[in-house]
Amino acid sequence: MDEAVTSYHKALAINPDYDKAHSNLGLVLQEQGKLDEAVISYHKAIVINPDYAKTHYNLGIVLYEQGKLDDAVASAPFGGHAVNLAAITTAICAGEDAHPDPDKRYWSAIIGGITYIIFGLTTGAAIAFITLSPPILIAAVAGLALFGALTASLVSSLSSETDREAAFITFLITASGLTIFGISGVFWGLLAGGAFYLWDHRKNS
């Protein structure tokens, strides 16, 4: 743990505006029981990047552990709409890339669970490595992991001729990274796609 703290401080000395380093430092401090210092790190991360949902979530947990229930409740909703890690894992494990036979895809969930346990046991080293890695590398690895599920979802959503435009608008705005009032493009993509869908169907009815 102490080595992880030292690594984060070195990373922040190089780039003080690296929000994820502040956030991950807060997580390590939280696990060490240094809750006041963890809160400070989380607040620094939020000032730099208020749209990173994981920081809000972890801050809420620390505030709850400190008995500051009102503050924890106030902090919890911010950024939470952008997080659904279970859906990502499900999409990967349920896709054809896991196994051509749907009856045998449960093996991917078992292997995924074992992998998560291994990662959980090596959290400190993994966090230090990921934090020191170039952000573009992490984004590339995540993108490659989701490529199959994303392609299948895109093909499925564009297969209907009557709803193709609404689906494309939803995808385009969501993928753009647009953020308005601290709300990510996922929300605005759904809103714009839904509005176009209703307008198009009303026009053609």
C-alpha atoms as a PDB file:
ATOM      1  CA  MET A   1       0.000   0.000   0.000  1.00  0.00           C
ATOM      2  CA  ASP A   2       2.767   2.444   0.924  1.00  0.00           C
ATOM      3  CA  GLU A   3       4.471   1.785  -2.412  1.00  0.00           C
ATOM      4  CA  ALA A   4       1.208   2.566  -4.217  1.00  0.00           C
ATOM      5  CA  VAL A   5       0.866   5.857  -2.313  1.00  0.00           C
ATOM      6  CA  THR A   6       4.436   6.769  -3.228  1.00  0.00           C
ATOM      7  CA  SER A   7       3.805   5.936  -6.901  1.00  0.00           C
ATOM      8  CA  TYR A   8       0.684   8.115  -7.005  1.00  0.00           C
ATOM      9  CA  HIS A   9       2.500  11.026  -5.394  1.00  0.00           C
ATOM     10  CA  LYS A  10       5.269  10.712  -8.001  1.00  0.00           C
ATOM     11  CA  ALA A  11       2.678  10.638 -10.794  1.00  0.00           C
ATOM     12  CA  LEU A  12       0.979  13.747  -9.367  1.00  0.00           C
ATOM     13  CA  ALA A  13       4.316  15.519  -9.054  1.00  0.00           C
ATOM     14  CA  ILE A  14       4.683  15.064 -12.821  1.00  0.00           C
ATOM     15  CA  ASN A  15       1.048  15.879 -13.636  1.00  0.00           C
ATOM     16  CA  PRO A  16      -0.914  17.518 -10.773  1.00  0.00           C
ATOM     17  CA  ASP A  17      -4.072  17.603 -12.928  1.00  0.00           C
ATOM     18  CA  TYR A  18      -4.238  13.833 -13.419  1.00  0.00           C
ATOM     19  CA  ASP A  19      -7.667  13.256 -11.861  1.00  0.00           C
ATOM     20  CA  LYS A  20      -7.500   9.448 -11.840  1.00  0.00           C
ATOM     21  CA  ALA A  21      -4.243   9.527  -9.868  1.00  0.00           C
ATOM     22  CA  HIS A  22      -5.977  11.674  -7.220  1.00  0.00           C
ATOM     23  CA  SER A  23      -8.961   9.319  -7.273  1.00  0.00           C
ATOM     24  CA  ASN A  24      -6.871   6.143  -6.997  1.00  0.00           C
ATOM     25  CA  LEU A  25      -4.728   7.708  -4.276  1.00  0.00           C
ATOM     26  CA  GLY A  26      -7.936   8.385  -2.371  1.00  0.00           C
ATOM     27  CA  LEU A  27      -8.925   4.736  -2.761  1.00  0.00           C
ATOM     28  CA  VAL A  28      -5.601   3.515  -1.351  1.00  0.00           C
ATOM     29  CA  LEU A  29      -5.820   5.974   1.558  1.00  0.00           C
ATOM     30  CA  GLN A  30      -9.368   4.794   2.162  1.00  0.00           C
ATOM     31  CA  GLU A  31      -8.203   1.170   2.380  1.00  0.00           C
ATOM     32  CA  GLN A  32      -5.494   2.283   4.837  1.00  0.00           C
ATOM     33  CA  GLY A  33      -8.156   3.854   7.033  1.00  0.00           C
ATOM     34  CA  LYS A  34      -6.936   7.408   6.382  1.00  0.00           C
ATOM     35  CA  LEU A  35     -10.431   8.652   5.607  1.00  0.00           C
ATOM     36  CA  ASP A  36      -9.804  12.398   5.983  1.00  0.00           C
ATOM     37  CA  GLU A  37      -6.888  12.249   3.541  1.00  0.00           C
ATOM     38  CA  ALA A  38      -8.967  10.104   1.186  1.00  0.00           C
ATOM     39  CA  VAL A  39     -11.731  12.722   1.158  1.00  0.00           C
ATOM     40  CA  ILE A  40      -9.193  15.423   0.252  1.00  0.00           C
ATOM     41  CA  SER A  41      -7.869  13.326  -2.666  1.00  0.00           C
ATOM     42  CA  TYR A  42     -11.378  12.587  -3.923  1.00  0.00           C
ATOM     43  CA  HIS A  43     -12.329  16.271  -3.795  1.00  0.00           C
ATOM     44  CA  LYS A  44      -9.203  17.201  -5.773  1.00  0.00           C
ATOM     45  CA  ALA A  45     -10.130  14.591  -8.400  1.00  0.00           C
ATOM     46  CA  ILE A  46     -13.701  15.892  -8.621  1.00  0.00           C
ATOM     47  CA  VAL A  47     -12.542  19.497  -9.083  1.00  0.00           C
ATOM     48  CA  ILE A  48     -10.406  18.380 -12.043  1.00  0.00           C
ATOM     49  CA  ASN A  49     -12.954  15.988 -13.533  1.00  0.00           C
ATOM     50  CA  PRO A  50     -16.474  16.202 -12.089  1.00  0.00           C
ATOM     51  CA  ASP A  51     -17.786  13.613 -14.590  1.00  0.00           C
ATOM     52  CA  TYR A  52     -15.786  10.625 -13.315  1.00  0.00           C
ATOM     53  CA  ALA A  53     -18.508   8.602 -11.609  1.00  0.00           C
ATOM     54  CA  LYS A  54     -16.182   6.256  -9.725  1.00  0.00           C
ATOM     55  CA  THR A  55     -14.742   9.125  -7.674  1.00  0.00           C
ATOM     56  CA  HIS A  56     -18.215  10.269  -6.577  1.00  0.00           C
ATOM     57  CA  TYR A  57     -19.106   6.706  -5.673  1.00  0.00           C
ATOM     58  CA  ASN A  58     -15.964   6.160  -3.571  1.00  0.00           C
ATOM     59  CA  LEU A  59     -16.371   9.562  -1.904  1.00  0.00           C
ATOM     60  CA  GLY A  60     -19.903   8.582  -0.913  1.00  0.00           C
ATOM     61  CA  ILE A  61     -18.585   5.389   0.695  1.00  0.00           C
ATOM     62  CA  VAL A  62     -15.942   7.295   2.700  1.00  0.00           C
ATOM     63  CA  LEU A  63     -18.469   9.853   3.894  1.00  0.00           C
ATOM     64  CA  TYR A  64     -20.772   7.023   4.937  1.00  0.00           C
ATOM     65  CA  GLU A  65     -17.905   5.377   6.873  1.00  0.00           C
ATOM     66  CA  GLN A  66     -17.291   8.717   8.594  1.00  0.00           C
ATOM     67  CA  GLY A  67     -20.941   8.878   9.644  1.00  0.00           C
ATOM     68  CA  LYS A  68     -21.653  11.875   7.405  1.00  0.00           C
ATOM     69  CA  LEU A  69     -24.808  10.343   5.982  1.00  0.00           C
ATOM     70  CA  ASP A  70     -26.298  13.569   4.580  1.00  0.00           C
ATOM     71  CA  ASP A  71     -23.119  14.317   2.653  1.00  0.00           C
ATOM     72  CA  ALA A  72     -22.907  10.721   1.448  1.00  0.00           C
ATOM     73  CA  VAL A  73     -26.479  10.788   0.119  1.00  0.00           C
ATOM     74  CA  ALA A  74     -25.826  14.129  -1.586  1.00  0.00           C
ATOM     75  CA  SER A  75     -22.663  12.823  -3.241  1.00  0.00           C
ATOM     76  CA  ALA A  76     -23.957   9.435  -4.376  1.00  0.00           C
ATOM     77  CA  PRO A  77     -26.085  10.368  -7.451  1.00  0.00           C
ATOM     78  CA  PHE A  78     -23.459  12.500  -9.237  1.00  0.00           C
ATOM     79  CA  GLY A  79     -22.006  10.676 -12.214  1.00  0.00           C
ATOM     80  CA  GLY A  80     -23.730   7.395 -11.304  1.00  0.00           C
ATOM     81  CA  HIS A  81     -25.755   7.358 -14.530  1.00  0.00           C
ATOM     82  CA  ALA A  82     -22.551   6.707 -16.496  1.00  0.00           C
ATOM     83  CA  VAL A  83     -21.587   3.499 -14.677  1.00  0.00           C
ATOM     84  CA  ASN A  84     -22.911   0.050 -15.446  1.00  0.00           C
ATOM     85  CA  LEU A  85     -19.959  -2.314 -15.296  1.00  0.00           C
ATOM     86  CA  ALA A  86     -22.208  -5.366 -15.024  1.00  0.00           C
ATOM     87  CA  ALA A  87     -23.720  -4.618 -18.429  1.00  0.00           C
ATOM     88  CA  ILE A  88     -20.261  -4.523 -20.032  1.00  0.00           C
ATOM     89  CA  THR A  89     -19.283  -7.878 -18.529  1.00  0.00           C
ATOM     90  CA  THR A  90     -22.613  -9.410 -19.525  1.00  0.00           C
ATOM     91  CA  ALA A  91     -22.258  -8.198 -23.110  1.00  0.00           C
ATOM     92  CA  ILE A  92     -18.814  -9.769 -23.389  1.00  0.00           C
ATOM     93  CA  CYS A  93     -19.767 -13.069 -21.740  1.00  0.00           C
ATOM     94  CA  ALA A  94     -23.042 -13.460 -23.666  1.00  0.00           C
ATOM     95  CA  GLY A  95     -21.657 -12.670 -27.127  1.00  0.00           C
ATOM     96  CA  GLU A  96     -20.625 -15.088 -29.871  1.00  0.00           C
ATOM     97  CA  ASP A  97     -16.971 -14.301 -29.151  1.00  0.00           C
ATOM     98  CA  ALA A  98     -17.329 -16.136 -25.829  1.00  0.00           C
ATOM     99  CA  HIS A  99     -18.482 -19.339 -27.574  1.00  0.00           C
ATOM    100  CA  PRO A 100     -20.465 -20.131 -30.748  1.00  0.00           C
ATOM    101  CA  ASP A 101     -22.762 -22.401 -28.709  1.00  0.00           C
ATOM    102  CA  PRO A 102     -24.982 -20.329 -26.343  1.00  0.00           C
ATOM    103  CA  ASP A 103     -25.270 -23.298 -23.957  1.00  0.00           C
ATOM    104  CA  LYS A 104     -21.515 -23.195 -23.319  1.00  0.00           C
ATOM    105  CA  ARG A 105     -21.082 -19.454 -22.831  1.00  0.00           C
ATOM    106  CA  TYR A 106     -21.420 -19.826 -19.076  1.00  0.00           C
ATOM    107  CA  TRP A 107     -17.740 -20.791 -19.061  1.00  0.00           C
ATOM    108  CA  SER A 108     -16.840 -17.206 -19.929  1.00  0.00           C
ATOM    109  CA  ALA A 109     -18.659 -16.011 -16.800  1.00  0.00           C
ATOM    110  CA  ILE A 110     -16.792 -18.566 -14.662  1.00  0.00           C
ATOM    111  CA  ILE A 111     -13.426 -17.590 -16.122  1.00  0.00           C
ATOM    112  CA  GLY A 112     -14.336 -13.913 -15.784  1.00  0.00           C
ATOM    113  CA  GLY A 113     -15.188 -14.434 -12.104  1.00  0.00           C
ATOM    114  CA  ILE A 114     -11.884 -16.185 -11.438  1.00  0.00           C
ATOM    115  CA  THR A 115     -10.054 -13.378 -13.247  1.00  0.00           C
ATOM    116  CA  TYR A 116     -11.807 -10.742 -11.101  1.00  0.00           C
ATOM    117  CA  ILE A 117     -10.764 -12.612  -7.954  1.00  0.00           C
ATOM    118  CA  ILE A 118      -7.139 -12.649  -9.120  1.00  0.00           C
ATOM    119  CA  PHE A 119      -7.307  -8.928  -9.921  1.00  0.00           C
ATOM    120  CA  GLY A 120      -8.874  -8.295  -6.516  1.00  0.00           C
ATOM    121  CA  LEU A 121      -5.943  -9.983  -4.795  1.00  0.00           C
ATOM    122  CA  THR A 122      -3.455  -7.873  -6.737  1.00  0.00           C
ATOM    123  CA  THR A 123      -5.324  -4.568  -6.630  1.00  0.00           C
ATOM    124  CA  GLY A 124      -2.467  -2.449  -5.317  1.00  0.00           C
ATOM    125  CA  ALA A 125       0.008  -3.481  -8.002  1.00  0.00           C
ATOM    126  CA  ALA A 126      -2.645  -3.344 -10.738  1.00  0.00           C
ATOM    127  CA  ILE A 127      -3.735   0.187  -9.806  1.00  0.00           C
ATOM    128  CA  ALA A 128      -0.138   1.413  -9.726  1.00  0.00           C
ATOM    129  CA  PHE A 129       0.564  -0.127 -13.160  1.00  0.00           C
ATOM    130  CA  ILE A 130      -2.633   1.227 -14.735  1.00  0.00           C
ATOM    131  CA  THR A 131      -2.091   4.709 -13.302  1.00  0.00           C
ATOM    132  CA  LEU A 132       1.438   4.888 -14.687  1.00  0.00           C
ATOM    133  CA  SER A 133       0.353   3.574 -18.106  1.00  0.00           C
ATOM    134  CA  PRO A 134      -0.520   6.101 -20.842  1.00  0.00           C
ATOM    135  CA  PRO A 135      -4.289   6.826 -20.789  1.00  0.00           C
ATOM    136  CA  ILE A 136      -4.491   6.138 -24.535  1.00  0.00           C
ATOM    137  CA  LEU A 137      -3.216   2.579 -23.916  1.00  0.00           C
ATOM    138  CA  ILE A 138      -5.924   1.892 -21.321  1.00  0.00           C
ATOM    139  CA  ALA A 139      -8.595   3.287 -23.635  1.00  0.00           C
ATOM    140  CA  ALA A 140      -7.305   1.154 -26.514  1.00  0.00           C
ATOM    141  CA  VAL A 141      -7.362  -2.053 -24.455  1.00  0.00           C
ATOM    142  CA  ALA A 142     -10.904  -1.337 -23.230  1.00  0.00           C
ATOM    143  CA  GLY A 143     -12.019  -0.542 -26.771  1.00  0.00           C
ATOM    144  CA  LEU A 144     -10.601  -3.795 -28.137  1.00  0.00           C
ATOM    145  CA  ALA A 145     -12.341  -5.781 -25.402  1.00  0.00           C
ATOM    146  CA  LEU A 146     -15.695  -4.235 -26.295  1.00  0.00           C
ATOM    147  CA  PHE A 147     -15.249  -4.253 -30.070  1.00  0.00           C
ATOM    148  CA  GLY A 148     -17.200  -7.468 -30.664  1.00  0.00           C
ATOM    149  CA  ALA A 149     -20.107  -6.518 -28.419  1.00  0.00           C
ATOM    150  CA  LEU A 150     -20.211  -2.989 -29.856  1.00  0.00           C
ATOM    151  CA  THR A 151     -20.218  -4.245 -33.454  1.00  0.00           C
ATOM    152  CA  ALA A 152     -23.020  -6.736 -32.779  1.00  0.00           C
ATOM    153  CA  SER A 153     -25.108  -4.095 -31.004  1.00  0.00           C
ATOM    154  CA  LEU A 154     -24.571  -1.565 -33.783  1.00  0.00           C
ATOM    155  CA  VAL A 155     -25.544  -4.024 -36.521  1.00  0.00           C
ATOM    156  CA  SER A 156     -28.647  -5.050 -34.565  1.00  0.00           C
ATOM    157  CA  SER A 157     -29.753  -1.468 -33.894  1.00  0.00           C
ATOM    158  CA  LEU A 158     -29.342  -0.450 -37.558  1.00  0.00           C
ATOM    159  CA  SER A 159     -31.067  -3.523 -38.991  1.00  0.00           C
ATOM    160  CA  SER A 160     -34.547  -1.963 -38.859  1.00  0.00           C
ATOM    161  CA  GLU A 161     -35.122   0.416 -41.776  1.00  0.00           C
ATOM    162  CA  THR A 162     -37.857   2.370 -39.983  1.00  0.00           C
ATOM    163  CA  ASP A 163     -35.827   3.032 -36.824  1.00  0.00           C
ATOM    164  CA  ARG A 164     -32.340   3.257 -38.341  1.00  0.00           C
ATOM    165  CA  GLU A 165     -32.022   7.058 -38.160  1.00  0.00           C
ATOM    166  CA  ALA A 166     -33.004   7.234 -34.478  1.00  0.00           C
ATOM    167  CA  ALA A 167     -30.543   4.462 -33.599  1.00  0.00           C
ATOM    168  CA  PHE A 168     -27.750   6.177 -35.517  1.00  0.00           C
ATOM    169  CA  ILE A 169     -28.397   9.540 -33.822  1.00  0.00           C
ATOM    170  CA  THR A 170     -28.312   7.808 -30.431  1.00  0.00           C
ATOM    171  CA  PHE A 171     -25.018   6.105 -31.248  1.00  0.00           C
ATOM    172  CA  LEU A 172     -23.433   9.225 -32.756  1.00  0.00           C
ATOM    173  CA  ILE A 173     -24.159  11.506 -29.780  1.00  0.00           C
ATOM    174  CA  THR A 174     -23.268   8.827 -27.229  1.00  0.00           C
ATOM    175  CA  ALA A 175     -19.924   8.117 -28.898  1.00  0.00           C
ATOM    176  CA  SER A 176     -19.106  11.814 -29.295  1.00  0.00           C
ATOM    177  CA  GLY A 177     -18.238  12.253 -25.621  1.00  0.00           C
ATOM    178  CA  LEU A 178     -20.571  15.247 -25.395  1.00  0.00           C
ATOM    179  CA  THR A 179     -21.067  16.558 -21.853  1.00  0.00           C
ATOM    180  CA  ILE A 180     -23.671  19.191 -20.928  1.00  0.00           C
ATOM    181  CA  PHE A 181     -24.345  20.335 -17.343  1.00  0.00           C
ATOM    182  CA  GLY A 182     -22.009  17.574 -16.135  1.00  0.00           C
ATOM    183  CA  ILE A 183     -24.177  14.886 -17.764  1.00  0.00           C
ATOM    184  CA  SER A 184     -22.430  12.576 -20.218  1.00  0.00           C
ATOM    185  CA  GLY A 185     -23.307  11.820 -23.818  1.00  0.00           C
ATOM    186  CA  VAL A 186     -25.026   8.553 -22.868  1.00  0.00           C
ATOM    187  CA  PHE A 187     -27.986  10.502 -21.492  1.00  0.00           C
ATOM    188  CA  TRP A 188     -28.085  13.039 -24.318  1.00  0.00           C
ATOM    189  CA  GLY A 189     -27.787  10.291 -26.927  1.00  0.00           C
ATOM    190  CA  LEU A 190     -30.788   8.461 -25.514  1.00  0.00           C
ATOM    191  CA  LEU A 191     -32.727  11.721 -25.237  1.00  0.00           C
ATOM    192  CA  ALA A 192     -31.984  12.817 -28.809  1.00  0.00           C
ATOM    193  CA  GLY A 193     -32.582   9.347 -30.265  1.00  0.00           C
ATOM    194  CA  GLY A 194     -35.855   8.972 -28.394  1.00  0.00           C
ATOM    195  CA  ALA A 195     -37.039  12.430 -29.452  1.00  0.00           C
ATOM    196  CA  PHE A 196     -36.229  11.742 -33.112  1.00  0.00           C
ATOM    197  CA  TYR A 197     -37.942   8.335 -32.895  1.00  0.00           C
ATOM    198  CA  LEU A 198     -41.151   9.884 -31.552  1.00  0.00           C
ATOM    199  CA  TRP A 199     -41.061  12.728 -34.114  1.00  0.00           C
ATOM    200  CA  ASP A 200     -40.400  10.364 -37.028  1.00  0.00           C
ATOM    201  CA  HIS A 201     -43.160   7.931 -36.085  1.00  0.00           C
ATOM    202  CA  ARG A 202     -45.641  10.751 -35.480  1.00  0.00           C
ATOM    203  CA  LYS A 203     -44.761  12.241 -38.871  1.00  0.00           C
ATOM    204  CA  ASN A 204     -45.279   8.934 -40.680  1.00  0.00           C
ATOM    205  CA  SER A 205     -48.437   7.917 -38.844  1.00  0.00           C
END
